[in-house]
Each structure stands twice: as C-alpha cells, then as structure tokens.
Amino acid sequence: MPMSSPAAKPIALYRSLDALPDTARGAVLAIGNFDGVHFGHQQVIADARALADAKAAPLGVMLFDPHPQQFFAPDNPPFRLTRLVTRAALLADLGVDFTLGLPFGAAMAACEAEDFIADILVERLGVAAVCVGYDFCFGKGRKGNFTMLRDVGGEMGFETLATEAVMQPDSTTPYSSSAIRNFLRDGEPEKAAALMGHAFAIEAAVQQGDQRGRTIGFATANMPLDDYVLPKFGVYAVRAEILDGGFAGAVLNGVANLGMRPTVGTDKPRLESHFFDFEGDLYGANLRVSLLHFIRAEQKFDGLDALQSQIAKDSDQAREMLGS
C-alpha cells in the first residue's frame, strides 16, 4: 500500500467527542497512535476498511494527541514522526472517513479501561466494531487489551478485530514506529521511508532567520523542529511541498542542513533548506520538507568562504541524488 503525499481525500479531523457529527455514530473504529502511518498501521486500516464495508458502516480512527508518552514522560527526547493533521491526511488517503484526535491529559490517563469501553466506545460512539493492532493496550495502567475489548465488546454488542504483526520483508521483525525513529537517528531516511511507504517529512512555518545564507549565495528557508524526532544532524537532499501562501502547491528540490549549524551557531536545532532554481519570499508559509537522502554529518568550517564552498558541493550531490 505505498503512499505518496497526503491527501487526495478531504480530511475530516475532530478534536473532541462533542465535535463529531451524528453520522460518525455506529462506525467501525480503528484505535491506535498511528505515528508515521507505517505499513503495519496501514494493515490495521485495511482490515478495518474491509469490516466497515461489510457492515456498510463508516470507518473512523481514534488516536490521542499529544502522544500518551509525552504526558507520562515529558522530559524524554522528542519522538514525533507525523503531526496530527498529517496523520489524518494519510489516513484519509487509506479510506478513513473521519479521524478523532482526542487530547490526552490527566483525565484520560486516569480513565479505567472498563469505563473507556462503556462510556466512550459504547455510550458516546455506539461503535459497530473496534479494530486494533496485536499489541494494543489502553486505560489506566494499560490494563485494557484486545482480550478485554473482545470479551466486554461481545457483551455490549460490538465486534472486535486484532491485526496480527506485519513483518518487515525477509525479517522476523515487525514494522514499528520505533524502528523508523532509529533509522532516522542513524541517518538512514531511505530505510525509514521503506517502512512507512512515504518519506519522513517535517512540516512547519518558515521563520525569519539571520539571512546569513543570502550573503554567501545560498538563501535558506528556516523551520523549527518542535517536537519532531531528531534525525541525525547533518546535510540532506530534500524535496519540499509548499502548503500555503503565494507559492502553494509548488514542489521544490533542495539541500538542507538539520542541526545546530556549528560554523555560525544556533540556540536550538532547526532545519535550513536551500531550494534549487527558486526565488521568492517564503516567510510564514507552511512547508512539508521530506528528508530523502543523507549526504554528510554536520561539521564546523573555518569561515564563511569554506562553508560556501562546501554548500556548493553539497548542492551538486543533492541535485545528482534527486535527479534534478
């Protein structure tokens, strides 16, 4: 089920139970975090879509944002692969009719598994069926699992389906968001993309920078990394889609530095992309920048002349990698 970029189907994304339309009641509901929407996630959605079609019911996805790990361990390094709206777009491309992104906070963390089933799945949503991954857990203390869903659901009138682990090709290792994060941290975006069926991308608004790149002939679009997982610091061949503003819809090839800019310095990691054969003001525009190939690790140069020379070499290599 390879995927390109989101999204061909209109996105129906809701941030609370109260916001859901009446048409969402009686849906087949897939539940999980779906961070990265990798091939394992895609199989859960495919199984849920088939069940929804058989029941002539809408297909919904319930996920939690922020990720529960961010609530329980806020000081851990950032690990997000995809923004909520991006996940909703990718899920819509897979045939999902609506995505419910429930905020995860103290109240949800304290919700007992049995209450989650009775109060939310049955009373509020009236689900026809629930579909989950093989290792799905939920509720206070992660006491809820597929067996509980199946048994309680049978008593309360809904069906439960679990998708078995989907193994990576020629491997006994299942597809997982953790494996994708590890590939990115190792500077292997191609392997991460192979698990997702689409490239890892960072989405953010272009911020005002120090404009130093303009002085050496390589203007850059500067973007914060926020709570995205931090890939290996270094230089990448990238492809960007401009999501809004005067250049909306344009797709640009380029070269980008992700990290701390050791030659000139910065206070926090960021992504600085130089796009080939493009002139225009992108300040404030939202971009989706896909990291396609790792070129080299970050390094400190003696001065701007040396940096300029290396960027020119990096640009040539990126053009070759991207076929532009």
C-alpha atoms as a PDB file:
ATOM      1  CA  MET A   1       0.000   0.000   0.000  1.00  0.00           C
ATOM      2  CA  PRO A   2       2.592   2.601  -0.953  1.00  0.00           C
ATOM      3  CA  MET A   3       1.663   6.175  -0.280  1.00  0.00           C
ATOM      4  CA  SER A   4       2.989   9.385  -1.752  1.00  0.00           C
ATOM      5  CA  SER A   5       1.985  12.638  -0.112  1.00  0.00           C
ATOM      6  CA  PRO A   6      -1.208  13.445   1.761  1.00  0.00           C
ATOM      7  CA  ALA A   7      -4.025  13.805   0.826  1.00  0.00           C
ATOM      8  CA  ALA A   8      -6.317  13.122  -2.083  1.00  0.00           C
ATOM      9  CA  LYS A   9      -9.434  12.648   0.044  1.00  0.00           C
ATOM     10  CA  PRO A  10     -10.877  15.539   2.079  1.00  0.00           C
ATOM     11  CA  ILE A  11      -9.775  15.426   5.709  1.00  0.00           C
ATOM     12  CA  ALA A  12     -12.417  15.085   8.433  1.00  0.00           C
ATOM     13  CA  LEU A  13     -10.492  15.704  11.659  1.00  0.00           C
ATOM     14  CA  TYR A  14     -12.211  16.247  15.009  1.00  0.00           C
ATOM     15  CA  ARG A  15     -10.578  17.148  18.324  1.00  0.00           C
ATOM     16  CA  SER A  16     -13.342  16.153  20.748  1.00  0.00           C
ATOM     17  CA  LEU A  17     -16.227  13.745  21.104  1.00  0.00           C
ATOM     18  CA  ASP A  18     -18.646  16.660  21.127  1.00  0.00           C
ATOM     19  CA  ALA A  19     -17.386  17.830  17.731  1.00  0.00           C
ATOM     20  CA  LEU A  20     -18.216  14.560  15.971  1.00  0.00           C
ATOM     21  CA  PRO A  21     -21.237  14.649  13.637  1.00  0.00           C
ATOM     22  CA  ASP A  22     -24.128  12.257  14.200  1.00  0.00           C
ATOM     23  CA  THR A  23     -23.034  10.339  11.081  1.00  0.00           C
ATOM     24  CA  ALA A  24     -19.958   9.113  12.975  1.00  0.00           C
ATOM     25  CA  ARG A  25     -22.089   7.067  15.364  1.00  0.00           C
ATOM     26  CA  GLY A  26     -22.148   3.336  14.611  1.00  0.00           C
ATOM     27  CA  ALA A  27     -18.759   3.387  12.903  1.00  0.00           C
ATOM     28  CA  VAL A  28     -16.124   0.731  12.697  1.00  0.00           C
ATOM     29  CA  LEU A  29     -13.364   2.353  14.747  1.00  0.00           C
ATOM     30  CA  ALA A  30      -9.636   1.679  14.489  1.00  0.00           C
ATOM     31  CA  ILE A  31      -7.800   2.763  17.633  1.00  0.00           C
ATOM     32  CA  GLY A  32      -4.083   3.457  17.979  1.00  0.00           C
ATOM     33  CA  ASN A  33      -1.491   6.197  17.739  1.00  0.00           C
ATOM     34  CA  PHE A  34      -0.586   5.544  14.084  1.00  0.00           C
ATOM     35  CA  ASP A  35       2.518   7.755  14.322  1.00  0.00           C
ATOM     36  CA  GLY A  36       4.182   7.538  10.918  1.00  0.00           C
ATOM     37  CA  VAL A  37       1.254   5.602   9.409  1.00  0.00           C
ATOM     38  CA  HIS A  38       3.679   2.804   8.513  1.00  0.00           C
ATOM     39  CA  PHE A  39       2.832  -0.454   6.747  1.00  0.00           C
ATOM     40  CA  GLY A  40       1.770  -2.135   9.987  1.00  0.00           C
ATOM     41  CA  HIS A  41      -0.652   0.716  10.664  1.00  0.00           C
ATOM     42  CA  GLN A  42      -1.839   0.541   7.082  1.00  0.00           C
ATOM     43  CA  GLN A  43      -2.756  -3.127   7.510  1.00  0.00           C
ATOM     44  CA  VAL A  44      -4.865  -2.281  10.577  1.00  0.00           C
ATOM     45  CA  ILE A  45      -6.695   0.315   8.484  1.00  0.00           C
ATOM     46  CA  ALA A  46      -7.122  -2.108   5.570  1.00  0.00           C
ATOM     47  CA  ASP A  47      -8.665  -4.715   7.889  1.00  0.00           C
ATOM     48  CA  ALA A  48     -10.918  -2.068   9.416  1.00  0.00           C
ATOM     49  CA  ARG A  49     -11.935  -0.782   5.981  1.00  0.00           C
ATOM     50  CA  ALA A  50     -12.953  -4.286   4.886  1.00  0.00           C
ATOM     51  CA  LEU A  51     -15.017  -4.742   8.042  1.00  0.00           C
ATOM     52  CA  ALA A  52     -16.649  -1.330   7.632  1.00  0.00           C
ATOM     53  CA  ASP A  53     -17.570  -2.171   4.046  1.00  0.00           C
ATOM     54  CA  ALA A  54     -19.059  -5.491   5.149  1.00  0.00           C
ATOM     55  CA  LYS A  55     -21.157  -3.715   7.753  1.00  0.00           C
ATOM     56  CA  ALA A  56     -21.986  -0.764   5.488  1.00  0.00           C
ATOM     57  CA  ALA A  57     -20.659   1.452   8.278  1.00  0.00           C
ATOM     58  CA  PRO A  58     -18.388   4.489   8.233  1.00  0.00           C
ATOM     59  CA  LEU A  59     -14.723   3.947   9.094  1.00  0.00           C
ATOM     60  CA  GLY A  60     -13.195   6.091  11.806  1.00  0.00           C
ATOM     61  CA  VAL A  61      -9.852   6.273  13.542  1.00  0.00           C
ATOM     62  CA  MET A  62      -9.364   7.258  17.174  1.00  0.00           C
ATOM     63  CA  LEU A  63      -5.940   8.407  18.258  1.00  0.00           C
ATOM     64  CA  PHE A  64      -4.526  10.545  21.032  1.00  0.00           C
ATOM     65  CA  ASP A  65      -2.685  13.824  20.696  1.00  0.00           C
ATOM     66  CA  PRO A  66      -0.336  14.553  22.282  1.00  0.00           C
ATOM     67  CA  HIS A  67       1.009  11.006  22.385  1.00  0.00           C
ATOM     68  CA  PRO A  68       0.478   9.472  25.860  1.00  0.00           C
ATOM     69  CA  GLN A  69       4.254   9.092  26.245  1.00  0.00           C
ATOM     70  CA  GLN A  70       4.564  12.874  26.112  1.00  0.00           C
ATOM     71  CA  PHE A  71       2.177  13.125  29.046  1.00  0.00           C
ATOM     72  CA  PHE A  72       3.826  10.450  31.169  1.00  0.00           C
ATOM     73  CA  ALA A  73       7.443  11.328  30.285  1.00  0.00           C
ATOM     74  CA  PRO A  74       7.518  14.986  29.210  1.00  0.00           C
ATOM     75  CA  ASP A  75      11.296  15.270  29.685  1.00  0.00           C
ATOM     76  CA  ASN A  76      12.111  12.454  27.259  1.00  0.00           C
ATOM     77  CA  PRO A  77      13.626  13.424  23.896  1.00  0.00           C
ATOM     78  CA  PRO A  78      11.055  14.352  21.230  1.00  0.00           C
ATOM     79  CA  PHE A  79       9.934  11.448  19.069  1.00  0.00           C
ATOM     80  CA  ARG A  80       7.018  12.522  16.852  1.00  0.00           C
ATOM     81  CA  LEU A  81       7.072  11.282  13.255  1.00  0.00           C
ATOM     82  CA  THR A  82       3.915  12.938  11.949  1.00  0.00           C
ATOM     83  CA  ARG A  83       1.740  15.848  13.027  1.00  0.00           C
ATOM     84  CA  LEU A  84      -1.885  15.115  13.841  1.00  0.00           C
ATOM     85  CA  VAL A  85      -3.177  16.802  10.688  1.00  0.00           C
ATOM     86  CA  THR A  86      -0.660  14.851   8.590  1.00  0.00           C
ATOM     87  CA  ARG A  87      -1.770  11.566  10.088  1.00  0.00           C
ATOM     88  CA  ALA A  88      -5.387  12.491   9.378  1.00  0.00           C
ATOM     89  CA  ALA A  89      -4.477  13.226   5.766  1.00  0.00           C
ATOM     90  CA  LEU A  90      -2.578   9.965   5.306  1.00  0.00           C
ATOM     91  CA  LEU A  91      -5.429   8.042   6.941  1.00  0.00           C
ATOM     92  CA  ALA A  92      -7.945   9.732   4.655  1.00  0.00           C
ATOM     93  CA  ASP A  93      -5.900   8.514   1.683  1.00  0.00           C
ATOM     94  CA  LEU A  94      -6.327   4.982   3.051  1.00  0.00           C
ATOM     95  CA  GLY A  95     -10.120   5.313   3.026  1.00  0.00           C
ATOM     96  CA  VAL A  96     -10.774   6.540   6.562  1.00  0.00           C
ATOM     97  CA  ASP A  97     -13.938   8.650   6.754  1.00  0.00           C
ATOM     98  CA  PHE A  98     -13.042  10.589   9.891  1.00  0.00           C
ATOM     99  CA  THR A  99     -10.231  10.880  12.435  1.00  0.00           C
ATOM    100  CA  LEU A 100     -10.903  11.639  16.099  1.00  0.00           C
ATOM    101  CA  GLY A 101      -7.814  13.078  17.766  1.00  0.00           C
ATOM    102  CA  LEU A 102      -8.629  13.065  21.458  1.00  0.00           C
ATOM    103  CA  PRO A 103      -6.478  15.268  23.716  1.00  0.00           C
ATOM    104  CA  PHE A 104      -4.516  13.138  26.174  1.00  0.00           C
ATOM    105  CA  GLY A 105      -4.220  14.608  29.657  1.00  0.00           C
ATOM    106  CA  ALA A 106      -4.767  13.753  33.297  1.00  0.00           C
ATOM    107  CA  ALA A 107      -8.439  12.815  32.872  1.00  0.00           C
ATOM    108  CA  MET A 108      -7.760  10.398  30.028  1.00  0.00           C
ATOM    109  CA  ALA A 109      -4.744   8.938  31.854  1.00  0.00           C
ATOM    110  CA  ALA A 110      -6.963   8.188  34.873  1.00  0.00           C
ATOM    111  CA  CYS A 111      -9.747   6.583  32.824  1.00  0.00           C
ATOM    112  CA  GLU A 112     -10.203   2.907  33.687  1.00  0.00           C
ATOM    113  CA  ALA A 113     -10.232   0.542  30.725  1.00  0.00           C
ATOM    114  CA  GLU A 114     -13.768  -0.655  31.503  1.00  0.00           C
ATOM    115  CA  ASP A 115     -15.031   2.933  31.662  1.00  0.00           C
ATOM    116  CA  PHE A 116     -13.335   3.756  28.368  1.00  0.00           C
ATOM    117  CA  ILE A 117     -15.257   0.931  26.724  1.00  0.00           C
ATOM    118  CA  ALA A 118     -18.613   1.640  28.340  1.00  0.00           C
ATOM    119  CA  ASP A 119     -18.611   5.440  28.408  1.00  0.00           C
ATOM    120  CA  ILE A 120     -16.758   6.333  25.222  1.00  0.00           C
ATOM    121  CA  LEU A 121     -16.930   3.421  22.803  1.00  0.00           C
ATOM    122  CA  VAL A 122     -20.475   2.323  23.592  1.00  0.00           C
ATOM    123  CA  GLU A 123     -22.383   5.273  25.037  1.00  0.00           C
ATOM    124  CA  ARG A 124     -20.773   8.164  23.161  1.00  0.00           C
ATOM    125  CA  LEU A 125     -19.820   6.480  19.883  1.00  0.00           C
ATOM    126  CA  GLY A 126     -22.079   3.431  19.618  1.00  0.00           C
ATOM    127  CA  VAL A 127     -19.356   1.582  17.732  1.00  0.00           C
ATOM    128  CA  ALA A 128     -20.268  -1.277  15.428  1.00  0.00           C
ATOM    129  CA  ALA A 129     -16.781  -2.741  15.738  1.00  0.00           C
ATOM    130  CA  VAL A 130     -13.316  -1.891  17.038  1.00  0.00           C
ATOM    131  CA  CYS A 131     -10.077  -2.727  15.225  1.00  0.00           C
ATOM    132  CA  VAL A 132      -6.665  -2.595  16.898  1.00  0.00           C
ATOM    133  CA  GLY A 133      -3.105  -3.781  16.446  1.00  0.00           C
ATOM    134  CA  TYR A 134      -1.893  -7.002  18.031  1.00  0.00           C
ATOM    135  CA  ASP A 135      -0.128  -5.184  20.904  1.00  0.00           C
ATOM    136  CA  PHE A 136      -2.758  -2.538  21.670  1.00  0.00           C
ATOM    137  CA  CYS A 137      -3.192  -1.547  25.325  1.00  0.00           C
ATOM    138  CA  PHE A 138      -5.376   1.161  26.846  1.00  0.00           C
ATOM    139  CA  GLY A 139      -6.852   2.561  30.038  1.00  0.00           C
ATOM    140  CA  LYS A 140      -5.319   3.428  33.390  1.00  0.00           C
ATOM    141  CA  GLY A 141      -2.159   1.417  33.949  1.00  0.00           C
ATOM    142  CA  ARG A 142      -2.548  -0.034  30.415  1.00  0.00           C
ATOM    143  CA  LYS A 143      -4.820  -2.691  31.892  1.00  0.00           C
ATOM    144  CA  GLY A 144      -7.005  -2.903  28.805  1.00  0.00           C
ATOM    145  CA  ASN A 145      -6.050  -5.085  25.829  1.00  0.00           C
ATOM    146  CA  PHE A 146      -7.559  -6.934  22.899  1.00  0.00           C
ATOM    147  CA  THR A 147      -8.888  -9.757  25.075  1.00  0.00           C
ATOM    148  CA  MET A 148     -10.792  -7.308  27.269  1.00  0.00           C
ATOM    149  CA  LEU A 149     -12.147  -5.490  24.216  1.00  0.00           C
ATOM    150  CA  ARG A 150     -13.288  -8.771  22.671  1.00  0.00           C
ATOM    151  CA  ASP A 151     -14.933 -10.079  25.822  1.00  0.00           C
ATOM    152  CA  VAL A 152     -16.573  -6.860  27.004  1.00  0.00           C
ATOM    153  CA  GLY A 153     -17.435  -5.858  23.449  1.00  0.00           C
ATOM    154  CA  GLY A 154     -19.207  -9.156  22.924  1.00  0.00           C
ATOM    155  CA  GLU A 155     -21.353  -8.438  25.967  1.00  0.00           C
ATOM    156  CA  MET A 156     -22.039  -4.851  24.886  1.00  0.00           C
ATOM    157  CA  GLY A 157     -22.827  -5.607  21.269  1.00  0.00           C
ATOM    158  CA  PHE A 158     -19.792  -4.703  19.207  1.00  0.00           C
ATOM    159  CA  GLU A 159     -17.262  -6.823  17.341  1.00  0.00           C
ATOM    160  CA  THR A 160     -13.507  -6.619  17.943  1.00  0.00           C
ATOM    161  CA  LEU A 161     -10.746  -7.416  15.470  1.00  0.00           C
ATOM    162  CA  ALA A 162      -6.982  -7.504  16.055  1.00  0.00           C
ATOM    163  CA  THR A 163      -4.485  -7.291  13.211  1.00  0.00           C
ATOM    164  CA  GLU A 164      -1.518  -9.612  13.592  1.00  0.00           C
ATOM    165  CA  ALA A 165       2.014  -8.215  13.484  1.00  0.00           C
ATOM    166  CA  VAL A 166       3.099  -7.305   9.955  1.00  0.00           C
ATOM    167  CA  MET A 167       6.709  -8.338   9.400  1.00  0.00           C
ATOM    168  CA  GLN A 168       9.301  -6.371   7.512  1.00  0.00           C
ATOM    169  CA  PRO A 169      10.409  -8.062   4.248  1.00  0.00           C
ATOM    170  CA  ASP A 170      12.767 -11.029   4.797  1.00  0.00           C
ATOM    171  CA  SER A 171      12.639 -10.427   8.540  1.00  0.00           C
ATOM    172  CA  THR A 172      11.044 -11.611  11.765  1.00  0.00           C
ATOM    173  CA  THR A 173      10.874  -8.008  12.969  1.00  0.00           C
ATOM    174  CA  PRO A 174       7.507  -6.253  12.738  1.00  0.00           C
ATOM    175  CA  TYR A 175       7.019  -2.803  11.290  1.00  0.00           C
ATOM    176  CA  SER A 176       7.179  -0.266  14.103  1.00  0.00           C
ATOM    177  CA  SER A 177       7.420   3.460  14.716  1.00  0.00           C
ATOM    178  CA  SER A 178      10.443   2.781  16.946  1.00  0.00           C
ATOM    179  CA  ALA A 179      12.341   1.170  14.075  1.00  0.00           C
ATOM    180  CA  ILE A 180      11.577   4.188  11.883  1.00  0.00           C
ATOM    181  CA  ARG A 181      12.870   6.567  14.549  1.00  0.00           C
ATOM    182  CA  ASN A 182      16.053   4.533  14.880  1.00  0.00           C
ATOM    183  CA  PHE A 183      16.708   4.658  11.143  1.00  0.00           C
ATOM    184  CA  LEU A 184      16.256   8.434  11.169  1.00  0.00           C
ATOM    185  CA  ARG A 185      18.594   8.830  14.133  1.00  0.00           C
ATOM    186  CA  ASP A 186      21.156   6.756  12.234  1.00  0.00           C
ATOM    187  CA  GLY A 187      20.914   8.974   9.150  1.00  0.00           C
ATOM    188  CA  GLU A 188      19.112   6.398   7.006  1.00  0.00           C
ATOM    189  CA  PRO A 189      15.966   8.158   5.745  1.00  0.00           C
ATOM    190  CA  GLU A 190      15.595   5.716   2.840  1.00  0.00           C
ATOM    191  CA  LYS A 191      15.153   2.812   5.267  1.00  0.00           C
ATOM    192  CA  ALA A 192      12.679   4.839   7.318  1.00  0.00           C
ATOM    193  CA  ALA A 193      10.700   5.592   4.158  1.00  0.00           C
ATOM    194  CA  ALA A 194      10.705   1.897   3.225  1.00  0.00           C
ATOM    195  CA  LEU A 195       8.872   1.120   6.470  1.00  0.00           C
ATOM    196  CA  MET A 196       6.353   3.927   6.046  1.00  0.00           C
ATOM    197  CA  GLY A 197       5.704   3.782   2.329  1.00  0.00           C
ATOM    198  CA  HIS A 198       6.355   7.536   2.213  1.00  0.00           C
ATOM    199  CA  ALA A 199       9.243   9.794   3.139  1.00  0.00           C
ATOM    200  CA  PHE A 200       9.690  11.242   6.595  1.00  0.00           C
ATOM    201  CA  ALA A 201       8.840  14.933   6.423  1.00  0.00           C
ATOM    202  CA  ILE A 202       8.964  17.927   8.707  1.00  0.00           C
ATOM    203  CA  GLU A 203       6.059  20.372   8.476  1.00  0.00           C
ATOM    204  CA  ALA A 204       6.323  23.880   9.887  1.00  0.00           C
ATOM    205  CA  ALA A 205       6.105  27.559   9.034  1.00  0.00           C
ATOM    206  CA  VAL A 206       9.171  29.286   7.621  1.00  0.00           C
ATOM    207  CA  GLN A 207      10.652  31.621  10.195  1.00  0.00           C
ATOM    208  CA  GLN A 208      12.760  34.743   9.891  1.00  0.00           C
ATOM    209  CA  GLY A 209      16.432  33.782  10.155  1.00  0.00           C
ATOM    210  CA  ASP A 210      19.648  35.763  10.330  1.00  0.00           C
ATOM    211  CA  GLN A 211      19.724  35.884   6.494  1.00  0.00           C
ATOM    212  CA  ARG A 212      23.383  34.902   6.510  1.00  0.00           C
ATOM    213  CA  GLY A 213      22.745  32.410   3.706  1.00  0.00           C
ATOM    214  CA  ARG A 214      21.843  35.227   1.332  1.00  0.00           C
ATOM    215  CA  THR A 215      25.265  36.787   1.816  1.00  0.00           C
ATOM    216  CA  ILE A 216      27.008  33.659   0.506  1.00  0.00           C
ATOM    217  CA  GLY A 217      24.572  32.947  -2.329  1.00  0.00           C
ATOM    218  CA  PHE A 218      22.505  30.248  -0.656  1.00  0.00           C
ATOM    219  CA  ALA A 219      19.282  31.678   0.740  1.00  0.00           C
ATOM    220  CA  THR A 220      17.546  29.261   3.105  1.00  0.00           C
ATOM    221  CA  ALA A 221      14.083  28.613   4.491  1.00  0.00           C
ATOM    222  CA  ASN A 222      14.421  28.163   8.252  1.00  0.00           C
ATOM    223  CA  MET A 223      11.996  25.876  10.108  1.00  0.00           C
ATOM    224  CA  PRO A 224      11.771  24.835  13.772  1.00  0.00           C
ATOM    225  CA  LEU A 225      11.795  21.133  14.644  1.00  0.00           C
ATOM    226  CA  ASP A 226       9.464  21.498  17.655  1.00  0.00           C
ATOM    227  CA  ASP A 227       8.657  18.021  18.987  1.00  0.00           C
ATOM    228  CA  TYR A 228       9.649  16.009  15.917  1.00  0.00           C
ATOM    229  CA  VAL A 229      12.066  13.160  16.437  1.00  0.00           C
ATOM    230  CA  LEU A 230      15.583  14.471  15.823  1.00  0.00           C
ATOM    231  CA  PRO A 231      17.148  12.720  12.829  1.00  0.00           C
ATOM    232  CA  LYS A 232      20.921  12.526  12.596  1.00  0.00           C
ATOM    233  CA  PHE A 233      22.341  16.032  12.398  1.00  0.00           C
ATOM    234  CA  GLY A 234      23.778  16.763   9.009  1.00  0.00           C
ATOM    235  CA  VAL A 235      23.089  17.664   5.407  1.00  0.00           C
ATOM    236  CA  TYR A 236      20.268  16.076   3.411  1.00  0.00           C
ATOM    237  CA  ALA A 237      18.917  16.051  -0.109  1.00  0.00           C
ATOM    238  CA  VAL A 238      15.319  17.200   0.319  1.00  0.00           C
ATOM    239  CA  ARG A 239      12.084  17.739  -1.565  1.00  0.00           C
ATOM    240  CA  ALA A 240       9.606  20.302  -0.289  1.00  0.00           C
ATOM    241  CA  GLU A 241       5.944  20.963  -0.939  1.00  0.00           C
ATOM    242  CA  ILE A 242       4.703  24.488  -0.244  1.00  0.00           C
ATOM    243  CA  LEU A 243       1.386  24.067   1.545  1.00  0.00           C
ATOM    244  CA  ASP A 244       0.016  27.617   1.515  1.00  0.00           C
ATOM    245  CA  GLY A 245       0.817  31.203   0.603  1.00  0.00           C
ATOM    246  CA  GLY A 246       1.611  32.652  -2.798  1.00  0.00           C
ATOM    247  CA  PHE A 247       3.601  29.610  -3.950  1.00  0.00           C
ATOM    248  CA  ALA A 248       1.147  26.981  -2.651  1.00  0.00           C
ATOM    249  CA  GLY A 249       1.403  23.679  -4.474  1.00  0.00           C
ATOM    250  CA  ALA A 250       4.940  24.191  -5.713  1.00  0.00           C
ATOM    251  CA  VAL A 251       7.333  21.261  -5.244  1.00  0.00           C
ATOM    252  CA  LEU A 252      10.985  22.154  -4.847  1.00  0.00           C
ATOM    253  CA  ASN A 253      14.193  20.141  -4.711  1.00  0.00           C
ATOM    254  CA  GLY A 254      16.959  21.300  -2.452  1.00  0.00           C
ATOM    255  CA  VAL A 255      19.674  20.692   0.075  1.00  0.00           C
ATOM    256  CA  ALA A 256      19.161  21.186   3.803  1.00  0.00           C
ATOM    257  CA  ASN A 257      21.141  21.313   6.999  1.00  0.00           C
ATOM    258  CA  LEU A 258      19.452  19.829  10.040  1.00  0.00           C
ATOM    259  CA  GLY A 259      21.073  20.570  13.370  1.00  0.00           C
ATOM    260  CA  MET A 260      22.995  23.204  15.273  1.00  0.00           C
ATOM    261  CA  ARG A 261      24.929  24.999  12.483  1.00  0.00           C
ATOM    262  CA  PRO A 262      28.369  24.593  14.149  1.00  0.00           C
ATOM    263  CA  THR A 263      30.052  27.188  11.914  1.00  0.00           C
ATOM    264  CA  VAL A 264      27.717  30.076  12.793  1.00  0.00           C
ATOM    265  CA  GLY A 265      25.819  28.644  15.766  1.00  0.00           C
ATOM    266  CA  THR A 266      22.178  28.491  16.875  1.00  0.00           C
ATOM    267  CA  ASP A 267      20.353  28.104  20.170  1.00  0.00           C
ATOM    268  CA  LYS A 268      18.306  25.036  19.183  1.00  0.00           C
ATOM    269  CA  PRO A 269      18.220  22.515  16.329  1.00  0.00           C
ATOM    270  CA  ARG A 270      16.463  23.625  13.178  1.00  0.00           C
ATOM    271  CA  LEU A 271      16.082  22.765   9.525  1.00  0.00           C
ATOM    272  CA  GLU A 272      17.553  25.171   6.968  1.00  0.00           C
ATOM    273  CA  SER A 273      16.691  24.351   3.352  1.00  0.00           C
ATOM    274  CA  HIS A 274      18.141  25.899   0.209  1.00  0.00           C
ATOM    275  CA  PHE A 275      15.895  25.255  -2.802  1.00  0.00           C
ATOM    276  CA  PHE A 276      17.337  24.992  -6.272  1.00  0.00           C
ATOM    277  CA  ASP A 277      16.281  27.396  -9.016  1.00  0.00           C
ATOM    278  CA  PHE A 278      13.792  29.203  -6.797  1.00  0.00           C
ATOM    279  CA  GLU A 279      13.443  32.857  -5.927  1.00  0.00           C
ATOM    280  CA  GLY A 280      10.653  34.085  -3.709  1.00  0.00           C
ATOM    281  CA  ASP A 281       9.639  35.074  -0.199  1.00  0.00           C
ATOM    282  CA  LEU A 282       8.526  32.051   1.836  1.00  0.00           C
ATOM    283  CA  TYR A 283       8.350  33.725   5.253  1.00  0.00           C
ATOM    284  CA  GLY A 284       5.274  32.498   7.113  1.00  0.00           C
ATOM    285  CA  ALA A 285       4.430  29.819   4.558  1.00  0.00           C
ATOM    286  CA  ASN A 286       3.961  26.270   5.767  1.00  0.00           C
ATOM    287  CA  LEU A 287       6.231  23.731   4.112  1.00  0.00           C
ATOM    288  CA  ARG A 288       6.420  19.953   4.137  1.00  0.00           C
ATOM    289  CA  VAL A 289      10.111  19.122   3.707  1.00  0.00           C
ATOM    290  CA  SER A 290      10.895  15.445   3.069  1.00  0.00           C
ATOM    291  CA  LEU A 291      14.340  14.163   4.032  1.00  0.00           C
ATOM    292  CA  LEU A 292      15.252  11.840   1.167  1.00  0.00           C
ATOM    293  CA  HIS A 293      18.999  11.176   1.367  1.00  0.00           C
ATOM    294  CA  PHE A 294      21.701  11.829   3.962  1.00  0.00           C
ATOM    295  CA  ILE A 295      24.781  13.492   2.460  1.00  0.00           C
ATOM    296  CA  ARG A 296      27.170  14.138   5.357  1.00  0.00           C
ATOM    297  CA  ALA A 297      27.344  14.877   9.063  1.00  0.00           C
ATOM    298  CA  GLU A 298      27.445  18.426  10.383  1.00  0.00           C
ATOM    299  CA  GLN A 299      30.900  19.934  10.656  1.00  0.00           C
ATOM    300  CA  LYS A 300      32.439  23.239  11.630  1.00  0.00           C
ATOM    301  CA  PHE A 301      34.269  25.222   8.944  1.00  0.00           C
ATOM    302  CA  ASP A 302      36.988  27.826   9.359  1.00  0.00           C
ATOM    303  CA  GLY A 303      34.830  30.585   7.915  1.00  0.00           C
ATOM    304  CA  LEU A 304      32.035  31.532   5.547  1.00  0.00           C
ATOM    305  CA  ASP A 305      34.154  31.026   2.428  1.00  0.00           C
ATOM    306  CA  ALA A 306      34.825  27.410   3.363  1.00  0.00           C
ATOM    307  CA  LEU A 307      31.165  26.945   4.258  1.00  0.00           C
ATOM    308  CA  GLN A 308      30.086  28.432   0.910  1.00  0.00           C
ATOM    309  CA  SER A 309      32.384  26.083  -0.977  1.00  0.00           C
ATOM    310  CA  GLN A 310      31.046  23.046   0.871  1.00  0.00           C
ATOM    311  CA  ILE A 311      27.406  24.044   0.343  1.00  0.00           C
ATOM    312  CA  ALA A 312      28.097  24.244  -3.391  1.00  0.00           C
ATOM    313  CA  LYS A 313      29.475  20.694  -3.296  1.00  0.00           C
ATOM    314  CA  ASP A 314      26.547  19.501  -1.188  1.00  0.00           C
ATOM    315  CA  SER A 315      24.135  21.102  -3.651  1.00  0.00           C
ATOM    316  CA  ASP A 316      25.741  19.307  -6.595  1.00  0.00           C
ATOM    317  CA  GLN A 317      25.496  15.998  -4.747  1.00  0.00           C
ATOM    318  CA  ALA A 318      21.881  16.642  -3.773  1.00  0.00           C
ATOM    319  CA  ARG A 319      20.949  17.502  -7.361  1.00  0.00           C
ATOM    320  CA  GLU A 320      22.505  14.250  -8.508  1.00  0.00           C
ATOM    321  CA  MET A 321      20.712  12.240  -5.834  1.00  0.00           C
ATOM    322  CA  LEU A 322      17.367  13.850  -6.675  1.00  0.00           C
ATOM    323  CA  GLY A 323      17.855  13.570 -10.404  1.00  0.00           C
ATOM    324  CA  SER A 324      17.404  17.300 -10.892  1.00  0.00           C
END
